[in-house]
Amino acid sequence: MLRTLLAALLVLALIPAVAAANASTWAKRSVLDQQTFTETVDRALDEPEAEDALAKQLAPILFDALVGANDQVRRILGPIAGQSADAPDDAIIRGLEPRIEAALQNPRIEAARERLVIAAHGALIGLDDPDSTVRIVGDSLYVDAADLLRAVLDAIEPRFGSLGISVPAGTDAEIQLASSPGLEATGVVLPAIDRLATILPLVAIATALLVVVVAHRRGRALQVVGLAVSLAGVACLLVVWLGGIAVAGGESPISPQLVQSTYKAMTSDFVTQSMALMLGGLVLLVIGGVVSVFGGGRRATPRPAR
């Protein structure tokens, strides 16, 4: 009786243990991996809609920074924007937008954009860097785009540097990159997952083995373990679905689809892993059934009388 109760408790613990192990393994290879995160966000920022929205945000900041430092720069910016030097500020800014959008596709800005995305990754995983160009305030992610603006300016007209024209140090170039419910919690949750990523799979394996060892019938125990593993896979898929609903409320001034598309790209592997987990559980279920049948057959066969 005691062994049956203990086995039942271990099975109940096995479902969250396997689900947590699955989530931590995925997070280690995706969200916590700097290269994977950078490539995923870069693809989202490469969308024409994102580049257009980003150009609209950067144009007034660039104009104010350059003209604020030296009003004579207007004489250069006007013709670049397809306007006269004495054109209204709004007209020059609107003219700069397509030039900035084209510059965002220029290889010259790749390094600056990559630095920005890497800084965003550091903020999300809770790195404490006082010099970071990215900060999380509540559920919003803000980035200092000054370095990106300098790269954009160089891509628009490389001769600006030789003329001493650049975005001055200390320019207020902060823009909101994205907002999503629960964003602030990532700085706590992701580091915890990182620390437990090695331990959780071992705990799940140990729990499954204990279920088999403690149970009276090994075949039945394998079936129960398989069922628990499959349920853990279902639970993970449910989490992805619920997360998608939460992320649907996320916003980005850069692109309405930035948060959602990044989430879908990052969780695609998690969905695949969870489905593989369900399949593995079903395989264990079948193996346990086979063991039960053959094991029961051997026990039912009477020993010959001596």
C-alpha atoms as a PDB file:
ATOM      1  CA  MET A   1       0.000   0.000   0.000  1.00  0.00           C
ATOM      2  CA  LEU A   2       2.788   2.371   0.954  1.00  0.00           C
ATOM      3  CA  ARG A   3       4.688   1.613  -2.244  1.00  0.00           C
ATOM      4  CA  THR A   4       1.573   2.268  -4.330  1.00  0.00           C
ATOM      5  CA  LEU A   5       1.000   5.602  -2.609  1.00  0.00           C
ATOM      6  CA  LEU A   6       4.649   6.585  -3.057  1.00  0.00           C
ATOM      7  CA  ALA A   7       4.548   5.628  -6.741  1.00  0.00           C
ATOM      8  CA  ALA A   8       1.398   7.706  -7.248  1.00  0.00           C
ATOM      9  CA  LEU A   9       3.017  10.749  -5.619  1.00  0.00           C
ATOM     10  CA  LEU A  10       6.121  10.316  -7.778  1.00  0.00           C
ATOM     11  CA  VAL A  11       3.968  10.188 -10.917  1.00  0.00           C
ATOM     12  CA  LEU A  12       2.242  13.416  -9.901  1.00  0.00           C
ATOM     13  CA  ALA A  13       5.671  15.019  -9.410  1.00  0.00           C
ATOM     14  CA  LEU A  14       6.939  13.592 -12.700  1.00  0.00           C
ATOM     15  CA  ILE A  15       4.584  15.629 -14.914  1.00  0.00           C
ATOM     16  CA  PRO A  16       5.801  19.109 -13.789  1.00  0.00           C
ATOM     17  CA  ALA A  17       9.381  17.802 -13.553  1.00  0.00           C
ATOM     18  CA  VAL A  18       9.385  16.691 -17.207  1.00  0.00           C
ATOM     19  CA  ALA A  19       7.605  19.887 -18.327  1.00  0.00           C
ATOM     20  CA  ALA A  20      10.141  22.061 -16.458  1.00  0.00           C
ATOM     21  CA  ALA A  21      13.054  20.070 -17.891  1.00  0.00           C
ATOM     22  CA  ASN A  22      11.635  20.464 -21.394  1.00  0.00           C
ATOM     23  CA  ALA A  23      11.192  24.224 -20.931  1.00  0.00           C
ATOM     24  CA  SER A  24      14.673  24.728 -19.474  1.00  0.00           C
ATOM     25  CA  THR A  25      16.331  22.750 -22.276  1.00  0.00           C
ATOM     26  CA  TRP A  26      14.507  24.831 -24.878  1.00  0.00           C
ATOM     27  CA  ALA A  27      15.296  28.134 -23.133  1.00  0.00           C
ATOM     28  CA  LYS A  28      18.980  27.248 -22.889  1.00  0.00           C
ATOM     29  CA  ARG A  29      19.147  26.683 -26.667  1.00  0.00           C
ATOM     30  CA  SER A  30      16.995  29.641 -27.721  1.00  0.00           C
ATOM     31  CA  VAL A  31      16.093  32.577 -25.471  1.00  0.00           C
ATOM     32  CA  LEU A  32      19.244  32.298 -23.365  1.00  0.00           C
ATOM     33  CA  ASP A  33      21.480  31.712 -26.388  1.00  0.00           C
ATOM     34  CA  GLN A  34      22.745  35.082 -27.567  1.00  0.00           C
ATOM     35  CA  GLN A  35      23.348  34.074 -31.189  1.00  0.00           C
ATOM     36  CA  THR A  36      19.916  32.457 -31.608  1.00  0.00           C
ATOM     37  CA  PHE A  37      18.184  35.440 -30.000  1.00  0.00           C
ATOM     38  CA  THR A  38      20.124  37.939 -32.129  1.00  0.00           C
ATOM     39  CA  GLU A  39      19.388  36.126 -35.387  1.00  0.00           C
ATOM     40  CA  THR A  40      15.675  35.851 -34.543  1.00  0.00           C
ATOM     41  CA  VAL A  41      15.262  39.538 -33.652  1.00  0.00           C
ATOM     42  CA  ASP A  42      17.344  40.584 -36.662  1.00  0.00           C
ATOM     43  CA  ARG A  43      14.953  38.747 -38.984  1.00  0.00           C
ATOM     44  CA  ALA A  44      12.020  40.548 -37.362  1.00  0.00           C
ATOM     45  CA  LEU A  45      13.745  43.933 -37.740  1.00  0.00           C
ATOM     46  CA  ASP A  46      14.480  43.195 -41.403  1.00  0.00           C
ATOM     47  CA  GLU A  47      10.776  43.280 -42.227  1.00  0.00           C
ATOM     48  CA  PRO A  48       9.916  46.326 -44.417  1.00  0.00           C
ATOM     49  CA  GLU A  49       7.192  47.345 -41.980  1.00  0.00           C
ATOM     50  CA  ALA A  50       9.688  47.396 -39.095  1.00  0.00           C
ATOM     51  CA  GLU A  51      12.263  49.376 -41.084  1.00  0.00           C
ATOM     52  CA  ASP A  52       9.644  51.949 -42.118  1.00  0.00           C
ATOM     53  CA  ALA A  53       8.429  52.431 -38.540  1.00  0.00           C
ATOM     54  CA  LEU A  54      11.990  52.615 -37.200  1.00  0.00           C
ATOM     55  CA  ALA A  55      12.911  55.242 -39.817  1.00  0.00           C
ATOM     56  CA  LYS A  56       9.935  57.359 -38.732  1.00  0.00           C
ATOM     57  CA  GLN A  57      11.168  57.265 -35.139  1.00  0.00           C
ATOM     58  CA  LEU A  58      14.816  57.932 -35.954  1.00  0.00           C
ATOM     59  CA  ALA A  59      14.312  60.806 -38.430  1.00  0.00           C
ATOM     60  CA  PRO A  60      13.219  63.511 -35.932  1.00  0.00           C
ATOM     61  CA  ILE A  61      15.837  62.399 -33.392  1.00  0.00           C
ATOM     62  CA  LEU A  62      18.586  62.593 -36.018  1.00  0.00           C
ATOM     63  CA  PHE A  63      17.426  65.997 -37.255  1.00  0.00           C
ATOM     64  CA  ASP A  64      17.164  67.487 -33.753  1.00  0.00           C
ATOM     65  CA  ALA A  65      20.552  66.093 -32.721  1.00  0.00           C
ATOM     66  CA  LEU A  66      22.443  67.434 -35.753  1.00  0.00           C
ATOM     67  CA  VAL A  67      20.701  70.789 -36.085  1.00  0.00           C
ATOM     68  CA  GLY A  68      20.746  71.294 -32.326  1.00  0.00           C
ATOM     69  CA  ALA A  69      24.533  70.891 -32.334  1.00  0.00           C
ATOM     70  CA  ASN A  70      25.086  73.062 -35.428  1.00  0.00           C
ATOM     71  CA  ASP A  71      22.267  74.909 -37.180  1.00  0.00           C
ATOM     72  CA  GLN A  72      24.348  75.125 -40.363  1.00  0.00           C
ATOM     73  CA  VAL A  73      23.904  71.380 -40.838  1.00  0.00           C
ATOM     74  CA  ARG A  74      20.402  72.218 -42.063  1.00  0.00           C
ATOM     75  CA  ARG A  75      22.011  73.417 -45.319  1.00  0.00           C
ATOM     76  CA  ILE A  76      23.256  69.863 -45.881  1.00  0.00           C
ATOM     77  CA  LEU A  77      20.286  67.938 -44.546  1.00  0.00           C
ATOM     78  CA  GLY A  78      17.787  69.884 -46.668  1.00  0.00           C
ATOM     79  CA  PRO A  79      19.159  68.775 -50.068  1.00  0.00           C
ATOM     80  CA  ILE A  80      19.736  65.226 -48.751  1.00  0.00           C
ATOM     81  CA  ALA A  81      16.053  65.119 -47.805  1.00  0.00           C
ATOM     82  CA  GLY A  82      15.060  66.520 -51.210  1.00  0.00           C
ATOM     83  CA  GLN A  83      14.189  69.894 -49.688  1.00  0.00           C
ATOM     84  CA  SER A  84      15.691  73.362 -49.667  1.00  0.00           C
ATOM     85  CA  ALA A  85      17.861  74.461 -46.753  1.00  0.00           C
ATOM     86  CA  ASP A  86      15.162  76.839 -45.501  1.00  0.00           C
ATOM     87  CA  ALA A  87      12.341  74.284 -45.750  1.00  0.00           C
ATOM     88  CA  PRO A  88      10.238  73.667 -42.589  1.00  0.00           C
ATOM     89  CA  ASP A  89      11.643  71.184 -40.106  1.00  0.00           C
ATOM     90  CA  ASP A  90       8.766  68.748 -40.669  1.00  0.00           C
ATOM     91  CA  ALA A  91       9.393  68.697 -44.423  1.00  0.00           C
ATOM     92  CA  ILE A  92      13.087  67.921 -43.974  1.00  0.00           C
ATOM     93  CA  ILE A  93      12.311  65.229 -41.384  1.00  0.00           C
ATOM     94  CA  ARG A  94       9.785  63.563 -43.712  1.00  0.00           C
ATOM     95  CA  GLY A  95      12.360  63.676 -46.489  1.00  0.00           C
ATOM     96  CA  LEU A  96      14.944  62.022 -44.263  1.00  0.00           C
ATOM     97  CA  GLU A  97      12.697  59.046 -43.510  1.00  0.00           C
ATOM     98  CA  PRO A  98      13.194  57.192 -46.840  1.00  0.00           C
ATOM     99  CA  ARG A  99      16.941  57.914 -46.687  1.00  0.00           C
ATOM    100  CA  ILE A 100      17.112  56.417 -43.193  1.00  0.00           C
ATOM    101  CA  GLU A 101      14.988  53.444 -44.244  1.00  0.00           C
ATOM    102  CA  ALA A 102      17.396  52.760 -47.112  1.00  0.00           C
ATOM    103  CA  ALA A 103      20.345  53.150 -44.736  1.00  0.00           C
ATOM    104  CA  LEU A 104      18.874  50.520 -42.415  1.00  0.00           C
ATOM    105  CA  GLN A 105      19.396  47.996 -45.225  1.00  0.00           C
ATOM    106  CA  ASN A 106      23.033  49.053 -45.635  1.00  0.00           C
ATOM    107  CA  PRO A 107      25.719  46.630 -44.365  1.00  0.00           C
ATOM    108  CA  ARG A 108      27.391  49.614 -42.654  1.00  0.00           C
ATOM    109  CA  ILE A 109      24.784  49.563 -39.871  1.00  0.00           C
ATOM    110  CA  GLU A 110      24.847  45.806 -39.185  1.00  0.00           C
ATOM    111  CA  ALA A 111      27.445  46.037 -36.404  1.00  0.00           C
ATOM    112  CA  ALA A 112      25.590  48.853 -34.615  1.00  0.00           C
ATOM    113  CA  ARG A 113      22.268  47.040 -34.833  1.00  0.00           C
ATOM    114  CA  GLU A 114      23.816  43.808 -33.607  1.00  0.00           C
ATOM    115  CA  ARG A 115      25.282  45.623 -30.585  1.00  0.00           C
ATOM    116  CA  LEU A 116      21.823  46.994 -29.814  1.00  0.00           C
ATOM    117  CA  VAL A 117      20.139  43.580 -30.054  1.00  0.00           C
ATOM    118  CA  ILE A 118      22.857  41.977 -27.908  1.00  0.00           C
ATOM    119  CA  ALA A 119      22.311  44.669 -25.290  1.00  0.00           C
ATOM    120  CA  ALA A 120      18.560  43.952 -25.423  1.00  0.00           C
ATOM    121  CA  HIS A 121      19.304  40.259 -24.864  1.00  0.00           C
ATOM    122  CA  GLY A 122      21.462  41.123 -21.856  1.00  0.00           C
ATOM    123  CA  ALA A 123      18.654  43.195 -20.346  1.00  0.00           C
ATOM    124  CA  LEU A 124      16.114  40.407 -20.868  1.00  0.00           C
ATOM    125  CA  ILE A 125      18.243  37.759 -19.157  1.00  0.00           C
ATOM    126  CA  GLY A 126      18.935  40.042 -16.207  1.00  0.00           C
ATOM    127  CA  LEU A 127      22.546  41.091 -16.800  1.00  0.00           C
ATOM    128  CA  ASP A 128      23.385  44.007 -14.521  1.00  0.00           C
ATOM    129  CA  ASP A 129      25.266  46.413 -16.799  1.00  0.00           C
ATOM    130  CA  PRO A 130      25.116  50.090 -15.756  1.00  0.00           C
ATOM    131  CA  ASP A 131      26.544  51.104 -19.151  1.00  0.00           C
ATOM    132  CA  SER A 132      23.958  49.163 -21.159  1.00  0.00           C
ATOM    133  CA  THR A 133      22.138  51.000 -23.939  1.00  0.00           C
ATOM    134  CA  VAL A 134      18.972  49.060 -23.116  1.00  0.00           C
ATOM    135  CA  ARG A 135      16.721  49.211 -20.071  1.00  0.00           C
ATOM    136  CA  ILE A 136      13.465  47.596 -19.031  1.00  0.00           C
ATOM    137  CA  VAL A 137      10.933  49.820 -17.312  1.00  0.00           C
ATOM    138  CA  GLY A 138       7.816  47.979 -16.207  1.00  0.00           C
ATOM    139  CA  ASP A 139       6.696  45.940 -19.194  1.00  0.00           C
ATOM    140  CA  SER A 140       8.484  48.123 -21.779  1.00  0.00           C
ATOM    141  CA  LEU A 141      11.899  47.758 -23.392  1.00  0.00           C
ATOM    142  CA  TYR A 142      13.748  51.001 -24.203  1.00  0.00           C
ATOM    143  CA  VAL A 143      16.916  51.301 -26.277  1.00  0.00           C
ATOM    144  CA  ASP A 144      19.401  54.142 -26.720  1.00  0.00           C
ATOM    145  CA  ALA A 145      19.681  54.440 -30.503  1.00  0.00           C
ATOM    146  CA  ALA A 146      22.526  56.996 -30.572  1.00  0.00           C
ATOM    147  CA  ASP A 147      25.103  54.459 -31.769  1.00  0.00           C
ATOM    148  CA  LEU A 148      22.671  53.217 -34.417  1.00  0.00           C
ATOM    149  CA  LEU A 149      22.032  56.802 -35.559  1.00  0.00           C
ATOM    150  CA  ARG A 150      25.756  57.386 -36.058  1.00  0.00           C
ATOM    151  CA  ALA A 151      25.929  54.278 -38.248  1.00  0.00           C
ATOM    152  CA  VAL A 152      22.832  55.397 -40.168  1.00  0.00           C
ATOM    153  CA  LEU A 153      24.354  58.835 -40.726  1.00  0.00           C
ATOM    154  CA  ASP A 154      27.525  57.223 -42.067  1.00  0.00           C
ATOM    155  CA  ALA A 155      25.456  55.015 -44.384  1.00  0.00           C
ATOM    156  CA  ILE A 156      23.479  58.029 -45.699  1.00  0.00           C
ATOM    157  CA  GLU A 157      26.603  60.084 -46.434  1.00  0.00           C
ATOM    158  CA  PRO A 158      30.072  58.748 -45.516  1.00  0.00           C
ATOM    159  CA  ARG A 159      31.596  62.252 -45.945  1.00  0.00           C
ATOM    160  CA  PHE A 160      29.768  63.513 -42.867  1.00  0.00           C
ATOM    161  CA  GLY A 161      32.575  62.124 -40.705  1.00  0.00           C
ATOM    162  CA  SER A 162      35.269  64.106 -42.523  1.00  0.00           C
ATOM    163  CA  LEU A 163      33.179  67.257 -42.044  1.00  0.00           C
ATOM    164  CA  GLY A 164      32.974  66.671 -38.307  1.00  0.00           C
ATOM    165  CA  ILE A 165      29.223  66.073 -38.438  1.00  0.00           C
ATOM    166  CA  SER A 166      28.010  63.341 -36.113  1.00  0.00           C
ATOM    167  CA  VAL A 167      25.433  62.605 -33.452  1.00  0.00           C
ATOM    168  CA  PRO A 168      26.835  64.321 -30.336  1.00  0.00           C
ATOM    169  CA  ALA A 169      27.597  62.309 -27.214  1.00  0.00           C
ATOM    170  CA  GLY A 170      24.822  62.538 -24.667  1.00  0.00           C
ATOM    171  CA  THR A 171      22.080  62.879 -27.285  1.00  0.00           C
ATOM    172  CA  ASP A 172      18.696  61.711 -25.991  1.00  0.00           C
ATOM    173  CA  ALA A 173      18.015  59.032 -28.595  1.00  0.00           C
ATOM    174  CA  GLU A 174      15.990  56.613 -26.485  1.00  0.00           C
ATOM    175  CA  ILE A 175      13.111  54.856 -28.215  1.00  0.00           C
ATOM    176  CA  GLN A 176      10.677  52.189 -27.086  1.00  0.00           C
ATOM    177  CA  LEU A 177      11.459  48.953 -28.868  1.00  0.00           C
ATOM    178  CA  ALA A 178       8.671  46.791 -27.454  1.00  0.00           C
ATOM    179  CA  SER A 179       6.256  46.206 -24.600  1.00  0.00           C
ATOM    180  CA  SER A 180       4.608  43.008 -23.454  1.00  0.00           C
ATOM    181  CA  PRO A 181       2.863  41.770 -20.299  1.00  0.00           C
ATOM    182  CA  GLY A 182       5.355  40.184 -17.914  1.00  0.00           C
ATOM    183  CA  LEU A 183       8.420  41.580 -19.670  1.00  0.00           C
ATOM    184  CA  GLU A 184       9.904  42.865 -16.415  1.00  0.00           C
ATOM    185  CA  ALA A 185       9.801  39.361 -14.903  1.00  0.00           C
ATOM    186  CA  THR A 186      12.137  37.939 -17.568  1.00  0.00           C
ATOM    187  CA  GLY A 187      15.144  39.383 -15.743  1.00  0.00           C
ATOM    188  CA  VAL A 188      14.332  37.085 -12.811  1.00  0.00           C
ATOM    189  CA  VAL A 189      12.809  34.039 -14.513  1.00  0.00           C
ATOM    190  CA  LEU A 190      15.402  33.524 -17.273  1.00  0.00           C
ATOM    191  CA  PRO A 191      18.477  33.607 -14.981  1.00  0.00           C
ATOM    192  CA  ALA A 192      16.735  31.082 -12.702  1.00  0.00           C
ATOM    193  CA  ILE A 193      16.086  28.796 -15.674  1.00  0.00           C
ATOM    194  CA  ASP A 194      19.721  29.187 -16.723  1.00  0.00           C
ATOM    195  CA  ARG A 195      20.915  28.041 -13.301  1.00  0.00           C
ATOM    196  CA  LEU A 196      18.553  25.058 -13.231  1.00  0.00           C
ATOM    197  CA  ALA A 197      18.942  23.996 -16.874  1.00  0.00           C
ATOM    198  CA  THR A 198      21.349  21.166 -16.009  1.00  0.00           C
ATOM    199  CA  ILE A 199      19.608  20.001 -12.843  1.00  0.00           C
ATOM    200  CA  LEU A 200      15.986  19.819 -14.035  1.00  0.00           C
ATOM    201  CA  PRO A 201      16.478  17.077 -16.701  1.00  0.00           C
ATOM    202  CA  LEU A 202      18.361  14.967 -14.134  1.00  0.00           C
ATOM    203  CA  VAL A 203      15.531  15.409 -11.622  1.00  0.00           C
ATOM    204  CA  ALA A 204      12.985  14.333 -14.246  1.00  0.00           C
ATOM    205  CA  ILE A 205      14.998  11.226 -15.174  1.00  0.00           C
ATOM    206  CA  ALA A 206      15.548  10.300 -11.516  1.00  0.00           C
ATOM    207  CA  THR A 207      11.831  10.698 -10.765  1.00  0.00           C
ATOM    208  CA  ALA A 208      10.872   8.462 -13.692  1.00  0.00           C
ATOM    209  CA  LEU A 209      13.339   5.767 -12.578  1.00  0.00           C
ATOM    210  CA  LEU A 210      12.016   5.910  -9.039  1.00  0.00           C
ATOM    211  CA  VAL A 211       8.475   5.347 -10.299  1.00  0.00           C
ATOM    212  CA  VAL A 212       9.601   2.171 -12.064  1.00  0.00           C
ATOM    213  CA  VAL A 213      11.676   0.955  -9.104  1.00  0.00           C
ATOM    214  CA  VAL A 214       9.023   1.607  -6.466  1.00  0.00           C
ATOM    215  CA  ALA A 215       6.072   0.184  -8.453  1.00  0.00           C
ATOM    216  CA  HIS A 216       5.045  -3.451  -8.010  1.00  0.00           C
ATOM    217  CA  ARG A 217       4.533  -4.021 -11.724  1.00  0.00           C
ATOM    218  CA  ARG A 218       7.316  -2.740 -13.986  1.00  0.00           C
ATOM    219  CA  GLY A 219       5.251  -2.893 -17.168  1.00  0.00           C
ATOM    220  CA  ARG A 220       2.395  -0.936 -15.642  1.00  0.00           C
ATOM    221  CA  ALA A 221       4.926   1.543 -14.229  1.00  0.00           C
ATOM    222  CA  LEU A 222       6.398   2.122 -17.690  1.00  0.00           C
ATOM    223  CA  GLN A 223       2.922   2.807 -19.026  1.00  0.00           C
ATOM    224  CA  VAL A 224       2.225   5.318 -16.284  1.00  0.00           C
ATOM    225  CA  VAL A 225       5.584   7.034 -16.887  1.00  0.00           C
ATOM    226  CA  GLY A 226       4.822   7.212 -20.602  1.00  0.00           C
ATOM    227  CA  LEU A 227       1.434   8.738 -19.888  1.00  0.00           C
ATOM    228  CA  ALA A 228       3.010  11.305 -17.538  1.00  0.00           C
ATOM    229  CA  VAL A 229       5.619  12.249 -20.150  1.00  0.00           C
ATOM    230  CA  SER A 230       2.918  12.697 -22.792  1.00  0.00           C
ATOM    231  CA  LEU A 231       0.865  14.841 -20.420  1.00  0.00           C
ATOM    232  CA  ALA A 232       3.951  16.962 -19.749  1.00  0.00           C
ATOM    233  CA  GLY A 233       4.276  17.536 -23.498  1.00  0.00           C
ATOM    234  CA  VAL A 234       0.617  18.558 -23.661  1.00  0.00           C
ATOM    235  CA  ALA A 235       1.147  20.930 -20.720  1.00  0.00           C
ATOM    236  CA  CYS A 236       4.074  22.571 -22.543  1.00  0.00           C
ATOM    237  CA  LEU A 237       1.962  23.094 -25.661  1.00  0.00           C
ATOM    238  CA  LEU A 238      -0.728  24.629 -23.469  1.00  0.00           C
ATOM    239  CA  VAL A 239       1.845  27.027 -22.007  1.00  0.00           C
ATOM    240  CA  VAL A 240       2.916  28.082 -25.522  1.00  0.00           C
ATOM    241  CA  TRP A 241      -0.715  28.705 -26.444  1.00  0.00           C
ATOM    242  CA  LEU A 242      -1.405  30.730 -23.301  1.00  0.00           C
ATOM    243  CA  GLY A 243       1.847  32.632 -23.830  1.00  0.00           C
ATOM    244  CA  GLY A 244       0.723  33.468 -27.349  1.00  0.00           C
ATOM    245  CA  ILE A 245      -2.489  34.957 -25.968  1.00  0.00           C
ATOM    246  CA  ALA A 246      -0.492  37.096 -23.525  1.00  0.00           C
ATOM    247  CA  VAL A 247       1.995  38.189 -26.192  1.00  0.00           C
ATOM    248  CA  ALA A 248      -0.886  39.153 -28.475  1.00  0.00           C
ATOM    249  CA  GLY A 249      -1.325  42.082 -26.107  1.00  0.00           C
ATOM    250  CA  GLY A 250       2.285  43.105 -26.689  1.00  0.00           C
ATOM    251  CA  GLU A 251       3.050  46.234 -28.657  1.00  0.00           C
ATOM    252  CA  SER A 252       5.965  47.787 -30.478  1.00  0.00           C
ATOM    253  CA  PRO A 253       6.202  51.270 -31.974  1.00  0.00           C
ATOM    254  CA  ILE A 254       8.721  49.751 -34.387  1.00  0.00           C
ATOM    255  CA  SER A 255       6.308  47.143 -35.728  1.00  0.00           C
ATOM    256  CA  PRO A 256       2.980  45.794 -34.453  1.00  0.00           C
ATOM    257  CA  GLN A 257       4.163  42.302 -35.367  1.00  0.00           C
ATOM    258  CA  LEU A 258       7.648  42.536 -33.824  1.00  0.00           C
ATOM    259  CA  VAL A 259       6.735  40.990 -30.465  1.00  0.00           C
ATOM    260  CA  GLN A 260       4.444  38.327 -31.905  1.00  0.00           C
ATOM    261  CA  SER A 261       6.756  37.277 -34.733  1.00  0.00           C
ATOM    262  CA  THR A 262       9.722  37.049 -32.365  1.00  0.00           C
ATOM    263  CA  TYR A 263       7.679  34.963 -29.914  1.00  0.00           C
ATOM    264  CA  LYS A 264       6.522  32.576 -32.639  1.00  0.00           C
ATOM    265  CA  ALA A 265      10.049  32.170 -33.997  1.00  0.00           C
ATOM    266  CA  MET A 266      11.512  31.570 -30.543  1.00  0.00           C
ATOM    267  CA  THR A 267       8.837  29.052 -29.477  1.00  0.00           C
ATOM    268  CA  SER A 268       8.762  27.002 -32.681  1.00  0.00           C
ATOM    269  CA  ASP A 269      11.518  24.727 -31.343  1.00  0.00           C
ATOM    270  CA  PHE A 270       9.683  24.450 -28.026  1.00  0.00           C
ATOM    271  CA  VAL A 271       6.577  23.227 -29.844  1.00  0.00           C
ATOM    272  CA  THR A 272       8.673  20.660 -31.735  1.00  0.00           C
ATOM    273  CA  GLN A 273      10.325  19.491 -28.512  1.00  0.00           C
ATOM    274  CA  SER A 274       6.960  19.172 -26.768  1.00  0.00           C
ATOM    275  CA  MET A 275       5.500  17.118 -29.609  1.00  0.00           C
ATOM    276  CA  ALA A 276       8.576  14.866 -29.520  1.00  0.00           C
ATOM    277  CA  LEU A 277       8.006  14.500 -25.779  1.00  0.00           C
ATOM    278  CA  MET A 278       4.419  13.398 -26.397  1.00  0.00           C
ATOM    279  CA  LEU A 279       5.614  10.878 -28.986  1.00  0.00           C
ATOM    280  CA  GLY A 280       8.277   9.547 -26.604  1.00  0.00           C
ATOM    281  CA  GLY A 281       5.636   9.130 -23.908  1.00  0.00           C
ATOM    282  CA  LEU A 282       3.433   7.148 -26.280  1.00  0.00           C
ATOM    283  CA  VAL A 283       6.393   4.889 -27.148  1.00  0.00           C
ATOM    284  CA  LEU A 284       6.951   4.217 -23.443  1.00  0.00           C
ATOM    285  CA  LEU A 285       3.237   3.500 -23.105  1.00  0.00           C
ATOM    286  CA  VAL A 286       3.464   0.852 -25.828  1.00  0.00           C
ATOM    287  CA  ILE A 287       6.664  -0.647 -24.410  1.00  0.00           C
ATOM    288  CA  GLY A 288       5.057  -0.829 -20.984  1.00  0.00           C
ATOM    289  CA  GLY A 289       2.061  -2.613 -22.490  1.00  0.00           C
ATOM    290  CA  VAL A 290       4.315  -5.167 -24.174  1.00  0.00           C
ATOM    291  CA  VAL A 291       6.249  -5.746 -20.949  1.00  0.00           C
ATOM    292  CA  SER A 292       2.987  -6.187 -19.049  1.00  0.00           C
ATOM    293  CA  VAL A 293       1.658  -8.744 -21.530  1.00  0.00           C
ATOM    294  CA  PHE A 294       4.804 -10.861 -21.676  1.00  0.00           C
ATOM    295  CA  GLY A 295       5.549 -10.449 -17.981  1.00  0.00           C
ATOM    296  CA  GLY A 296       2.002 -11.454 -17.073  1.00  0.00           C
ATOM    297  CA  GLY A 297       2.214 -14.429 -19.440  1.00  0.00           C
ATOM    298  CA  ARG A 298       5.327 -15.722 -17.696  1.00  0.00           C
ATOM    299  CA  ARG A 299       3.755 -15.384 -14.267  1.00  0.00           C
ATOM    300  CA  ALA A 300       0.567 -17.118 -15.450  1.00  0.00           C
ATOM    301  CA  THR A 301       2.487 -20.147 -16.784  1.00  0.00           C
ATOM    302  CA  PRO A 302       2.434 -22.818 -14.053  1.00  0.00           C
ATOM    303  CA  ARG A 303       5.659 -24.533 -13.144  1.00  0.00           C
ATOM    304  CA  PRO A 304       5.818 -28.215 -14.054  1.00  0.00           C
ATOM    305  CA  ALA A 305       5.422 -30.588 -11.102  1.00  0.00           C
ATOM    306  CA  ARG A 306       8.533 -32.380  -9.997  1.00  0.00           C
END
